[in-house]
C-alpha atoms as a PDB file:
ATOM      1  CA  MET A   1       0.000   0.000   0.000  1.00  0.00           C
ATOM      2  CA  LEU A   2       2.791   2.348   0.919  1.00  0.00           C
ATOM      3  CA  ASN A   3       4.696   1.442  -2.234  1.00  0.00           C
ATOM      4  CA  GLN A   4       1.685   2.275  -4.404  1.00  0.00           C
ATOM      5  CA  THR A   5       1.246   5.645  -2.690  1.00  0.00           C
ATOM      6  CA  ALA A   6       4.970   6.488  -3.088  1.00  0.00           C
ATOM      7  CA  GLY A   7       4.867   5.436  -6.747  1.00  0.00           C
ATOM      8  CA  LYS A   8       1.922   7.725  -7.443  1.00  0.00           C
ATOM      9  CA  ARG A   9       3.725  10.646  -5.765  1.00  0.00           C
ATOM     10  CA  GLU A  10       6.837  10.053  -7.836  1.00  0.00           C
ATOM     11  CA  LEU A  11       4.732   9.806 -10.965  1.00  0.00           C
ATOM     12  CA  ILE A  12       2.936  13.070 -10.162  1.00  0.00           C
ATOM     13  CA  ARG A  13       6.251  14.771  -9.379  1.00  0.00           C
ATOM     14  CA  ALA A  14       7.775  13.508 -12.610  1.00  0.00           C
ATOM     15  CA  GLY A  15       4.758  14.649 -14.583  1.00  0.00           C
ATOM     16  CA  PHE A  16       4.901  18.071 -12.993  1.00  0.00           C
ATOM     17  CA  THR A  17       8.626  18.303 -13.775  1.00  0.00           C
ATOM     18  CA  VAL A  18       8.056  17.327 -17.391  1.00  0.00           C
ATOM     19  CA  PHE A  19       5.210  19.817 -17.703  1.00  0.00           C
ATOM     20  CA  ALA A  20       7.347  22.621 -16.210  1.00  0.00           C
ATOM     21  CA  GLY A  21      10.201  21.752 -18.586  1.00  0.00           C
ATOM     22  CA  LEU A  22       7.851  21.813 -21.556  1.00  0.00           C
ATOM     23  CA  CYS A  23       6.513  25.205 -20.449  1.00  0.00           C
ATOM     24  CA  VAL A  24      10.021  26.629 -20.120  1.00  0.00           C
ATOM     25  CA  LEU A  25      10.988  25.141 -23.497  1.00  0.00           C
ATOM     26  CA  GLY A  26       7.909  26.661 -25.074  1.00  0.00           C
ATOM     27  CA  LEU A  27       8.731  30.044 -23.585  1.00  0.00           C
ATOM     28  CA  PHE A  28      12.260  29.818 -24.987  1.00  0.00           C
ATOM     29  CA  ILE A  29      10.918  28.835 -28.389  1.00  0.00           C
ATOM     30  CA  ILE A  30       8.480  31.753 -28.339  1.00  0.00           C
ATOM     31  CA  ALA A  31      11.223  34.146 -27.206  1.00  0.00           C
ATOM     32  CA  PHE A  32      13.703  32.972 -29.843  1.00  0.00           C
ATOM     33  CA  GLY A  33      10.988  33.170 -32.454  1.00  0.00           C
ATOM     34  CA  GLY A  34      10.629  36.853 -31.775  1.00  0.00           C
ATOM     35  CA  HIS A  35       7.332  36.694 -29.934  1.00  0.00           C
ATOM     36  CA  ARG A  36       7.959  38.564 -26.724  1.00  0.00           C
ATOM     37  CA  PHE A  37       4.495  39.040 -25.313  1.00  0.00           C
ATOM     38  CA  TRP A  38       5.764  40.857 -22.248  1.00  0.00           C
ATOM     39  CA  GLU A  39       7.223  43.739 -24.315  1.00  0.00           C
ATOM     40  CA  ARG A  40       5.252  46.863 -25.208  1.00  0.00           C
ATOM     41  CA  LEU A  41       6.372  48.130 -28.584  1.00  0.00           C
ATOM     42  CA  ASP A  42       5.277  51.019 -30.806  1.00  0.00           C
ATOM     43  CA  GLU A  43       4.987  49.889 -34.409  1.00  0.00           C
ATOM     44  CA  TYR A  44       6.309  51.866 -37.393  1.00  0.00           C
ATOM     45  CA  ALA A  45       6.438  50.879 -41.057  1.00  0.00           C
ATOM     46  CA  ILE A  46       9.381  51.220 -43.435  1.00  0.00           C
ATOM     47  CA  ARG A  47       9.325  50.482 -47.169  1.00  0.00           C
ATOM     48  CA  PHE A  48      12.656  49.401 -48.671  1.00  0.00           C
ATOM     49  CA  ASN A  49      13.676  48.471 -52.199  1.00  0.00           C
ATOM     50  CA  GLY A  50      15.316  45.369 -50.720  1.00  0.00           C
ATOM     51  CA  VAL A  51      15.985  44.005 -47.251  1.00  0.00           C
ATOM     52  CA  LYS A  52      19.488  42.533 -47.865  1.00  0.00           C
ATOM     53  CA  ASN A  53      18.992  39.282 -45.858  1.00  0.00           C
ATOM     54  CA  LEU A  54      17.236  41.084 -43.038  1.00  0.00           C
ATOM     55  CA  ASP A  55      15.264  38.682 -40.802  1.00  0.00           C
ATOM     56  CA  VAL A  56      12.462  39.067 -38.284  1.00  0.00           C
ATOM     57  CA  GLY A  57      13.776  39.692 -34.797  1.00  0.00           C
ATOM     58  CA  ARG A  58      16.829  41.648 -35.920  1.00  0.00           C
ATOM     59  CA  PRO A  59      17.544  44.676 -33.735  1.00  0.00           C
ATOM     60  CA  VAL A  60      16.670  48.261 -34.545  1.00  0.00           C
ATOM     61  CA  LYS A  61      19.369  50.732 -33.511  1.00  0.00           C
ATOM     62  CA  TYR A  62      19.443  54.476 -33.141  1.00  0.00           C
ATOM     63  CA  ALA A  63      22.917  56.049 -32.831  1.00  0.00           C
ATOM     64  CA  GLY A  64      24.284  52.628 -31.793  1.00  0.00           C
ATOM     65  CA  ILE A  65      21.600  52.004 -29.141  1.00  0.00           C
ATOM     66  CA  ASN A  66      19.114  49.123 -29.353  1.00  0.00           C
ATOM     67  CA  VAL A  67      15.676  50.734 -29.463  1.00  0.00           C
ATOM     68  CA  GLY A  68      13.556  47.864 -30.821  1.00  0.00           C
ATOM     69  CA  ARG A  69      13.405  44.942 -33.212  1.00  0.00           C
ATOM     70  CA  VAL A  70      11.980  43.881 -36.563  1.00  0.00           C
ATOM     71  CA  LEU A  71       8.459  42.505 -36.223  1.00  0.00           C
ATOM     72  CA  SER A  72       7.533  41.485 -39.764  1.00  0.00           C
ATOM     73  CA  ILE A  73       8.810  41.563 -43.347  1.00  0.00           C
ATOM     74  CA  ASP A  74       6.351  41.335 -46.237  1.00  0.00           C
ATOM     75  CA  VAL A  75       5.940  42.454 -49.817  1.00  0.00           C
ATOM     76  CA  ASP A  76       4.194  45.801 -49.919  1.00  0.00           C
ATOM     77  CA  LYS A  77       0.609  45.357 -51.081  1.00  0.00           C
ATOM     78  CA  GLU A  78       0.388  48.851 -52.566  1.00  0.00           C
ATOM     79  CA  ASP A  79       3.661  48.578 -54.503  1.00  0.00           C
ATOM     80  CA  PRO A  80       4.944  45.022 -55.037  1.00  0.00           C
ATOM     81  CA  ALA A  81       8.339  46.396 -56.056  1.00  0.00           C
ATOM     82  CA  LEU A  82       8.929  47.397 -52.419  1.00  0.00           C
ATOM     83  CA  VAL A  83       9.324  45.410 -49.207  1.00  0.00           C
ATOM     84  CA  ARG A  84       7.341  46.557 -46.183  1.00  0.00           C
ATOM     85  CA  VAL A  85       9.171  46.153 -42.889  1.00  0.00           C
ATOM     86  CA  VAL A  86       7.329  46.685 -39.609  1.00  0.00           C
ATOM     87  CA  VAL A  87       9.566  47.555 -36.666  1.00  0.00           C
ATOM     88  CA  GLY A  88       8.623  47.722 -33.026  1.00  0.00           C
ATOM     89  CA  LEU A  89      10.282  50.434 -30.956  1.00  0.00           C
ATOM     90  CA  HIS A  90      10.374  50.473 -27.201  1.00  0.00           C
ATOM     91  CA  GLU A  91       7.432  52.275 -25.674  1.00  0.00           C
ATOM     92  CA  GLY A  92       8.451  55.830 -24.839  1.00  0.00           C
ATOM     93  CA  PHE A  93      11.062  56.127 -27.603  1.00  0.00           C
ATOM     94  CA  THR A  94      10.172  59.149 -29.766  1.00  0.00           C
ATOM     95  CA  VAL A  95      10.809  59.212 -33.497  1.00  0.00           C
ATOM     96  CA  TYR A  96      11.106  62.722 -34.931  1.00  0.00           C
ATOM     97  CA  GLN A  97      10.532  63.959 -38.439  1.00  0.00           C
ATOM     98  CA  GLY A  98      13.834  63.923 -40.317  1.00  0.00           C
ATOM     99  CA  THR A  99      14.663  60.415 -39.093  1.00  0.00           C
ATOM    100  CA  LYS A 100      15.531  57.986 -41.892  1.00  0.00           C
ATOM    101  CA  ALA A 101      15.918  54.217 -41.792  1.00  0.00           C
ATOM    102  CA  SER A 102      18.564  52.154 -43.538  1.00  0.00           C
ATOM    103  CA  ILE A 103      19.783  48.569 -43.451  1.00  0.00           C
ATOM    104  CA  SER A 104      23.290  48.298 -42.049  1.00  0.00           C
ATOM    105  CA  GLN A 105      25.621  45.419 -41.325  1.00  0.00           C
ATOM    106  CA  LYS A 106      27.822  44.481 -38.383  1.00  0.00           C
ATOM    107  CA  GLY A 107      31.309  44.410 -39.842  1.00  0.00           C
ATOM    108  CA  ILE A 108      31.928  42.747 -43.182  1.00  0.00           C
ATOM    109  CA  VAL A 109      30.169  39.404 -42.658  1.00  0.00           C
ATOM    110  CA  GLY A 110      27.956  40.285 -39.694  1.00  0.00           C
ATOM    111  CA  ASP A 111      24.169  40.249 -39.421  1.00  0.00           C
ATOM    112  CA  ASN A 112      22.029  42.981 -40.907  1.00  0.00           C
ATOM    113  CA  PHE A 113      19.960  45.306 -38.750  1.00  0.00           C
ATOM    114  CA  VAL A 114      17.808  48.414 -39.156  1.00  0.00           C
ATOM    115  CA  LEU A 115      19.632  51.664 -38.394  1.00  0.00           C
ATOM    116  CA  LEU A 116      17.765  54.900 -37.651  1.00  0.00           C
ATOM    117  CA  ASN A 117      19.564  58.208 -38.241  1.00  0.00           C
ATOM    118  CA  LEU A 118      18.366  61.757 -37.681  1.00  0.00           C
ATOM    119  CA  SER A 119      19.480  63.891 -40.617  1.00  0.00           C
ATOM    120  CA  GLY A 120      19.400  67.599 -39.993  1.00  0.00           C
ATOM    121  CA  LYS A 121      17.373  69.340 -37.343  1.00  0.00           C
ATOM    122  CA  ALA A 122      14.726  67.321 -35.508  1.00  0.00           C
ATOM    123  CA  GLY A 123      11.140  68.085 -36.450  1.00  0.00           C
ATOM    124  CA  PRO A 124       7.922  67.270 -34.620  1.00  0.00           C
ATOM    125  CA  PRO A 125       7.436  63.679 -33.350  1.00  0.00           C
ATOM    126  CA  LEU A 126       6.050  61.082 -35.747  1.00  0.00           C
ATOM    127  CA  PRO A 127       2.803  59.472 -34.576  1.00  0.00           C
ATOM    128  CA  VAL A 128       2.843  55.781 -33.701  1.00  0.00           C
ATOM    129  CA  GLY A 129       1.975  53.622 -36.710  1.00  0.00           C
ATOM    130  CA  SER A 130       3.286  56.126 -39.267  1.00  0.00           C
ATOM    131  CA  GLU A 131       5.912  55.416 -41.902  1.00  0.00           C
ATOM    132  CA  ILE A 132       9.623  56.176 -41.498  1.00  0.00           C
ATOM    133  CA  PRO A 133      11.225  57.165 -44.823  1.00  0.00           C
ATOM    134  CA  PRO A 134      14.094  54.927 -45.997  1.00  0.00           C
ATOM    135  CA  ASP A 135      17.644  56.110 -46.600  1.00  0.00           C
ATOM    136  CA  ALA A 136      19.155  54.212 -49.512  1.00  0.00           C
ATOM    137  CA  THR A 137      22.783  53.460 -48.648  1.00  0.00           C
ATOM    138  CA  PRO A 138      24.920  50.841 -50.415  1.00  0.00           C
ATOM    139  CA  ASP A 139      26.333  48.061 -48.268  1.00  0.00           C
ATOM    140  CA  LEU A 140      29.905  46.848 -48.243  1.00  0.00           C
ATOM    141  CA  MET A 141      29.257  44.081 -50.738  1.00  0.00           C
ATOM    142  CA  GLU A 142      27.737  46.501 -53.246  1.00  0.00           C
ATOM    143  CA  VAL A 143      30.657  48.880 -52.778  1.00  0.00           C
ATOM    144  CA  ALA A 144      33.113  46.010 -53.257  1.00  0.00           C
ATOM    145  CA  ALA A 145      31.265  44.886 -56.384  1.00  0.00           C
ATOM    146  CA  SER A 146      31.283  48.419 -57.807  1.00  0.00           C
ATOM    147  CA  MET A 147      34.993  48.740 -57.040  1.00  0.00           C
ATOM    148  CA  ALA A 148      35.655  45.435 -58.778  1.00  0.00           C
ATOM    149  CA  GLY A 149      33.691  46.613 -61.814  1.00  0.00           C
ATOM    150  CA  LEU A 150      35.565  49.897 -61.824  1.00  0.00           C
ATOM    151  CA  ALA A 151      38.878  48.054 -61.612  1.00  0.00           C
ATOM    152  CA  ALA A 152      37.831  45.829 -64.504  1.00  0.00           C
ATOM    153  CA  ASP A 153      36.934  48.914 -66.565  1.00  0.00           C
ATOM    154  CA  LEU A 154      40.207  50.617 -65.710  1.00  0.00           C
ATOM    155  CA  GLN A 155      42.401  47.621 -66.473  1.00  0.00           C
ATOM    156  CA  PRO A 156      42.310  48.044 -70.305  1.00  0.00           C
ATOM    157  CA  LYS A 157      42.976  51.753 -69.961  1.00  0.00           C
ATOM    158  CA  LEU A 158      45.890  51.095 -67.607  1.00  0.00           C
ATOM    159  CA  SER A 159      47.251  48.563 -70.072  1.00  0.00           C
ATOM    160  CA  GLU A 160      46.998  51.133 -72.870  1.00  0.00           C
ATOM    161  CA  ILE A 161      48.784  53.699 -70.707  1.00  0.00           C
ATOM    162  CA  ALA A 162      51.537  51.195 -69.904  1.00  0.00           C
ATOM    163  CA  ASP A 163      51.938  50.350 -73.603  1.00  0.00           C
ATOM    164  CA  SER A 164      52.061  54.054 -74.463  1.00  0.00           C
ATOM    165  CA  LEU A 165      54.717  54.631 -71.808  1.00  0.00           C
ATOM    166  CA  ARG A 166      56.768  51.724 -73.103  1.00  0.00           C
ATOM    167  CA  ALA A 167      56.479  53.085 -76.635  1.00  0.00           C
ATOM    168  CA  LEU A 168      57.390  56.562 -75.422  1.00  0.00           C
ATOM    169  CA  LEU A 169      60.409  55.358 -73.475  1.00  0.00           C
ATOM    170  CA  ASN A 170      61.901  53.140 -76.161  1.00  0.00           C
ATOM    171  CA  THR A 171      65.535  53.444 -77.254  1.00  0.00           C
ATOM    172  CA  ASP A 172      64.929  55.817 -80.193  1.00  0.00           C
ATOM    173  CA  ASN A 173      62.810  58.217 -78.174  1.00  0.00           C
ATOM    174  CA  ARG A 174      65.305  58.204 -75.324  1.00  0.00           C
ATOM    175  CA  ARG A 175      68.112  58.971 -77.766  1.00  0.00           C
ATOM    176  CA  HIS A 176      66.107  61.839 -79.289  1.00  0.00           C
ATOM    177  CA  VAL A 177      65.306  63.178 -75.846  1.00  0.00           C
ATOM    178  CA  GLU A 178      68.977  63.020 -74.860  1.00  0.00           C
ATOM    179  CA  GLU A 179      69.950  64.885 -78.025  1.00  0.00           C
ATOM    180  CA  ILE A 180      67.290  67.518 -77.374  1.00  0.00           C
ATOM    181  CA  LEU A 181      68.487  67.888 -73.790  1.00  0.00           C
ATOM    182  CA  LYS A 182      72.072  68.318 -74.975  1.00  0.00           C
ATOM    183  CA  GLU A 183      70.985  70.974 -77.474  1.00  0.00           C
ATOM    184  CA  VAL A 184      68.941  72.707 -74.801  1.00  0.00           C
ATOM    185  CA  THR A 185      71.964  72.651 -72.472  1.00  0.00           C
ATOM    186  CA  VAL A 186      74.167  74.230 -75.140  1.00  0.00           C
ATOM    187  CA  LEU A 187      71.456  76.781 -75.903  1.00  0.00           C
ATOM    188  CA  VAL A 188      71.130  77.654 -72.235  1.00  0.00           C
ATOM    189  CA  LYS A 189      74.895  78.077 -71.930  1.00  0.00           C
ATOM    190  CA  ASP A 190      74.955  80.345 -75.005  1.00  0.00           C
ATOM    191  CA  ALA A 191      72.035  82.327 -73.644  1.00  0.00           C
ATOM    192  CA  ASN A 192      73.791  82.644 -70.299  1.00  0.00           C
ATOM    193  CA  THR A 193      76.962  83.859 -72.012  1.00  0.00           C
ATOM    194  CA  ALA A 194      74.988  86.355 -74.103  1.00  0.00           C
ATOM    195  CA  ILE A 195      73.138  87.606 -71.044  1.00  0.00           C
ATOM    196  CA  ARG A 196      76.402  88.079 -69.178  1.00  0.00           C
ATOM    197  CA  SER A 197      77.856  89.929 -72.165  1.00  0.00           C
ATOM    198  CA  MET A 198      74.781  92.146 -72.391  1.00  0.00           C
ATOM    199  CA  ASP A 199      74.969  92.741 -68.665  1.00  0.00           C
ATOM    200  CA  ALA A 200      78.620  93.772 -68.954  1.00  0.00           C
ATOM    201  CA  GLU A 201      77.766  96.067 -71.873  1.00  0.00           C
ATOM    202  CA  PHE A 202      74.874  97.607 -69.962  1.00  0.00           C
ATOM    203  CA  ARG A 203      77.115  98.116 -66.951  1.00  0.00           C
ATOM    204  CA  GLY A 204      79.763  99.767 -69.106  1.00  0.00           C
ATOM    205  CA  LEU A 205      77.136 101.920 -70.787  1.00  0.00           C
ATOM    206  CA  ALA A 206      75.741 102.859 -67.404  1.00  0.00           C
ATOM    207  CA  ARG A 207      79.204 103.776 -66.185  1.00  0.00           C
ATOM    208  CA  GLU A 208      79.782 105.877 -69.296  1.00  0.00           C
ATOM    209  CA  ALA A 209      76.421 107.563 -68.839  1.00  0.00           C
ATOM    210  CA  GLY A 210      77.269 108.198 -65.196  1.00  0.00           C
ATOM    211  CA  ALA A 211      80.636 109.646 -66.193  1.00  0.00           C
ATOM    212  CA  GLY A 212      78.948 111.882 -68.796  1.00  0.00           C
ATOM    213  CA  ILE A 213      76.429 113.096 -66.254  1.00  0.00           C
ATOM    214  CA  ALA A 214      79.244 113.726 -63.770  1.00  0.00           C
ATOM    215  CA  GLU A 215      81.144 115.702 -66.414  1.00  0.00           C
ATOM    216  CA  THR A 216      77.993 117.666 -67.191  1.00  0.00           C
ATOM    217  CA  ARG A 217      77.527 118.456 -63.526  1.00  0.00           C
ATOM    218  CA  ALA A 218      81.197 119.449 -63.229  1.00  0.00           C
ATOM    219  CA  LEU A 219      80.891 121.692 -66.295  1.00  0.00           C
ATOM    220  CA  VAL A 220      77.740 123.278 -64.922  1.00  0.00           C
ATOM    221  CA  GLY A 221      79.592 123.821 -61.650  1.00  0.00           C
ATOM    222  CA  GLU A 222      82.474 125.438 -63.511  1.00  0.00           C
ATOM    223  CA  VAL A 223      80.051 127.669 -65.414  1.00  0.00           C
ATOM    224  CA  ARG A 224      78.417 128.707 -62.163  1.00  0.00           C
ATOM    225  CA  SER A 225      81.828 129.304 -60.591  1.00  0.00           C
ATOM    226  CA  GLY A 226      82.924 131.402 -63.599  1.00  0.00           C
ATOM    227  CA  MET A 227      79.717 133.417 -63.461  1.00  0.00           C
ATOM    228  CA  GLN A 228      80.128 133.954 -59.744  1.00  0.00           C
ATOM    229  CA  THR A 229      83.774 134.973 -60.291  1.00  0.00           C
ATOM    230  CA  THR A 230      82.770 137.326 -63.071  1.00  0.00           C
ATOM    231  CA  LEU A 231      80.016 138.840 -60.952  1.00  0.00           C
ATOM    232  CA  GLY A 232      82.474 139.183 -58.084  1.00  0.00           C
ATOM    233  CA  THR A 233      84.941 140.923 -60.382  1.00  0.00           C
ATOM    234  CA  VAL A 234      82.204 143.245 -61.608  1.00  0.00           C
ATOM    235  CA  ASN A 235      81.145 143.970 -58.048  1.00  0.00           C
ATOM    236  CA  THR A 236      84.754 144.643 -57.084  1.00  0.00           C
ATOM    237  CA  ALA A 237      85.262 146.900 -60.084  1.00  0.00           C
ATOM    238  CA  VAL A 238      82.069 148.786 -59.302  1.00  0.00           C
ATOM    239  CA  THR A 239      83.118 149.145 -55.675  1.00  0.00           C
ATOM    240  CA  ASP A 240      86.582 150.367 -56.686  1.00  0.00           C
ATOM    241  CA  THR A 241      85.013 152.711 -59.197  1.00  0.00           C
ATOM    242  CA  ARG A 242      82.748 154.170 -56.539  1.00  0.00           C
ATOM    243  CA  GLN A 243      85.704 154.654 -54.221  1.00  0.00           C
ATOM    244  CA  ASP A 244      87.684 156.249 -57.032  1.00  0.00           C
ATOM    245  CA  LEU A 245      84.703 158.496 -57.844  1.00  0.00           C
ATOM    246  CA  ALA A 246      84.744 159.859 -54.314  1.00  0.00           C
ATOM    247  CA  VAL A 247      88.481 160.580 -54.443  1.00  0.00           C
ATOM    248  CA  THR A 248      89.037 161.474 -58.078  1.00  0.00           C
ATOM    249  CA  LEU A 249      85.785 163.140 -59.096  1.00  0.00           C
ATOM    250  CA  GLU A 250      87.526 165.599 -61.312  1.00  0.00           C
ATOM    251  CA  VAL A 251      89.508 162.876 -63.084  1.00  0.00           C
ATOM    252  CA  LEU A 252      86.350 160.922 -63.770  1.00  0.00           C
ATOM    253  CA  ARG A 253      84.699 163.962 -65.303  1.00  0.00           C
ATOM    254  CA  VAL A 254      87.503 164.258 -67.751  1.00  0.00           C
ATOM    255  CA  GLN A 255      87.707 160.538 -68.542  1.00  0.00           C
ATOM    256  CA  THR A 256      83.953 159.802 -68.511  1.00  0.00           C
ATOM    257  CA  ALA A 257      83.885 158.883 -72.151  1.00  0.00           C
ATOM    258  CA  ALA A 258      86.915 156.601 -71.846  1.00  0.00           C
ATOM    259  CA  VAL A 259      85.581 154.879 -68.754  1.00  0.00           C
ATOM    260  CA  GLY A 260      82.150 154.458 -70.426  1.00  0.00           C
ATOM    261  CA  GLY A 261      83.800 152.791 -73.404  1.00  0.00           C
ATOM    262  CA  ALA A 262      85.819 150.524 -71.095  1.00  0.00           C
ATOM    263  CA  VAL A 263      82.690 149.554 -69.188  1.00  0.00           C
ATOM    264  CA  THR A 264      80.871 148.829 -72.454  1.00  0.00           C
ATOM    265  CA  GLU A 265      83.739 146.665 -73.670  1.00  0.00           C
ATOM    266  CA  LEU A 266      83.843 144.828 -70.351  1.00  0.00           C
ATOM    267  CA  THR A 267      80.077 144.195 -70.480  1.00  0.00           C
ATOM    268  CA  ARG A 268      80.297 142.893 -74.045  1.00  0.00           C
ATOM    269  CA  GLN A 269      83.135 140.566 -73.047  1.00  0.00           C
ATOM    270  CA  VAL A 270      81.089 139.236 -70.125  1.00  0.00           C
ATOM    271  CA  GLN A 271      78.098 138.712 -72.433  1.00  0.00           C
ATOM    272  CA  ASN A 272      80.268 136.824 -74.929  1.00  0.00           C
ATOM    273  CA  ASP A 273      81.585 134.619 -72.133  1.00  0.00           C
ATOM    274  CA  LEU A 274      78.033 133.898 -70.956  1.00  0.00           C
ATOM    275  CA  ASP A 275      76.861 133.096 -74.496  1.00  0.00           C
ATOM    276  CA  TYR A 276      79.798 130.736 -74.997  1.00  0.00           C
ATOM    277  CA  ASP A 277      79.123 128.930 -71.723  1.00  0.00           C
ATOM    278  CA  GLN A 278      75.398 128.688 -72.549  1.00  0.00           C
ATOM    279  CA  ALA A 279      76.162 127.140 -75.951  1.00  0.00           C
ATOM    280  CA  ARG A 280      78.456 124.571 -74.331  1.00  0.00           C
ATOM    281  CA  LEU A 281      75.773 123.711 -71.773  1.00  0.00           C
ATOM    282  CA  GLU A 282      73.106 123.250 -74.471  1.00  0.00           C
ATOM    283  CA  GLU A 283      75.456 120.992 -76.465  1.00  0.00           C
ATOM    284  CA  ILE A 284      76.068 118.823 -73.400  1.00  0.00           C
ATOM    285  CA  LEU A 285      72.329 118.574 -72.686  1.00  0.00           C
ATOM    286  CA  GLU A 286      71.647 117.599 -76.329  1.00  0.00           C
ATOM    287  CA  ASN A 287      74.307 114.876 -76.120  1.00  0.00           C
ATOM    288  CA  THR A 288      72.721 113.595 -72.913  1.00  0.00           C
ATOM    289  CA  ALA A 289      69.253 113.528 -74.530  1.00  0.00           C
ATOM    290  CA  GLU A 290      70.657 111.672 -77.582  1.00  0.00           C
ATOM    291  CA  LEU A 291      72.249 109.111 -75.256  1.00  0.00           C
ATOM    292  CA  THR A 292      68.907 108.629 -73.471  1.00  0.00           C
ATOM    293  CA  ARG A 293      67.078 108.131 -76.790  1.00  0.00           C
ATOM    294  CA  ASN A 294      69.648 105.531 -77.877  1.00  0.00           C
ATOM    295  CA  LEU A 295      69.137 103.651 -74.594  1.00  0.00           C
ATOM    296  CA  ASN A 296      65.343 103.711 -75.113  1.00  0.00           C
ATOM    297  CA  VAL A 297      65.741 102.390 -78.682  1.00  0.00           C
ATOM    298  CA  LEU A 298      68.023  99.601 -77.468  1.00  0.00           C
ATOM    299  CA  THR A 299      65.585  98.633 -74.675  1.00  0.00           C
ATOM    300  CA  ARG A 300      62.593  98.626 -77.047  1.00  0.00           C
ATOM    301  CA  SER A 301      64.515  96.521 -79.574  1.00  0.00           C
ATOM    302  CA  LEU A 302      65.356  93.948 -76.898  1.00  0.00           C
ATOM    303  CA  ARG A 303      61.730  93.881 -75.733  1.00  0.00           C
ATOM    304  CA  GLU A 304      60.408  93.342 -79.274  1.00  0.00           C
ATOM    305  CA  ARG A 305      63.099  90.853 -80.360  1.00  0.00           C
ATOM    306  CA  PRO A 306      64.480  89.225 -77.227  1.00  0.00           C
ATOM    307  CA  TRP A 307      65.986  86.356 -79.224  1.00  0.00           C
ATOM    308  CA  GLN A 308      68.838  88.680 -80.252  1.00  0.00           C
ATOM    309  CA  ILE A 309      70.461  88.013 -76.894  1.00  0.00           C
ATOM    310  CA  ILE A 310      71.202  84.374 -77.841  1.00  0.00           C
ATOM    311  CA  TYR A 311      72.930  85.291 -81.147  1.00  0.00           C
ATOM    312  CA  ARG A 312      76.266  86.866 -81.683  1.00  0.00           C
ATOM    313  CA  PRO A 313      76.231  90.320 -83.244  1.00  0.00           C
ATOM    314  CA  ASP A 314      77.303  88.883 -86.636  1.00  0.00           C
ATOM    315  CA  ASP A 315      74.491  86.238 -86.536  1.00  0.00           C
ATOM    316  CA  SER A 316      71.866  88.796 -85.669  1.00  0.00           C
ATOM    317  CA  LYS A 317      72.994  90.912 -88.640  1.00  0.00           C
ATOM    318  CA  LYS A 318      72.693  87.902 -90.935  1.00  0.00           C
ATOM    319  CA  GLU A 319      69.213  87.203 -89.603  1.00  0.00           C
ATOM    320  CA  GLN A 320      68.216  90.761 -90.417  1.00  0.00           C
END
């Protein structure tokens, strides 16, 4: 009797244990299947061109934070070309206008998930059940495929460039380039020599012009000194004459005519000296102006035909 009672208790206990295990297993199956009845989620819809292996239950992230999960994925009934994804966001999480959804990937071979990004300034909150606009962004595989296609397109062009470079750098072209470089080197040396020669000539011409200007200044100084000396002599003579007039008034009365003639002759001599000095000064100034005009002509000729500096004077005459 006691054995029967103990057997029934063990049987009931075993049945209860099996039932509890089945309940726990069912809860795990429901949880792993994405059916979390204890969660309160706000549903939003997103319409993508493609879901890129996105599955139900994948997380929804906002700025790297898990804010929900994918509830369902179906073909859009209004537009079969699109896929309608329903996401559930944690109750209390606010989605603002300006938020866009995209499908991102963890690393290179990781799982896909829905990423929410706020582009620009946040607008008013979106009501629960509304649609979040998608943000079309290429994934890593698409980028890699496009890069591979671009590399394939560039390969023939790179081959053509390599062939062109090989043809350009062959032996004949290198020899021609070396000859051209040698000729350019000789031409540069000749031009340098001509420039140095022109520089020496310009320096000599400048020195000559400076010497001429110095001589002109010296001559002008001499003319001024002579005029000052002459004026001093005249002043001295006038002073002496005045003194002599006070002492020898009677003699001056007798020799007035002679003194007047002497004064006239002296004045004429001074005038002749001044005219002579003025003519010399004008001649010097004309020579200086002619020298300046020659320099201007030379400068204009070099500006109009600068290649003359790389020829010798005899070659430039032959060219003309």
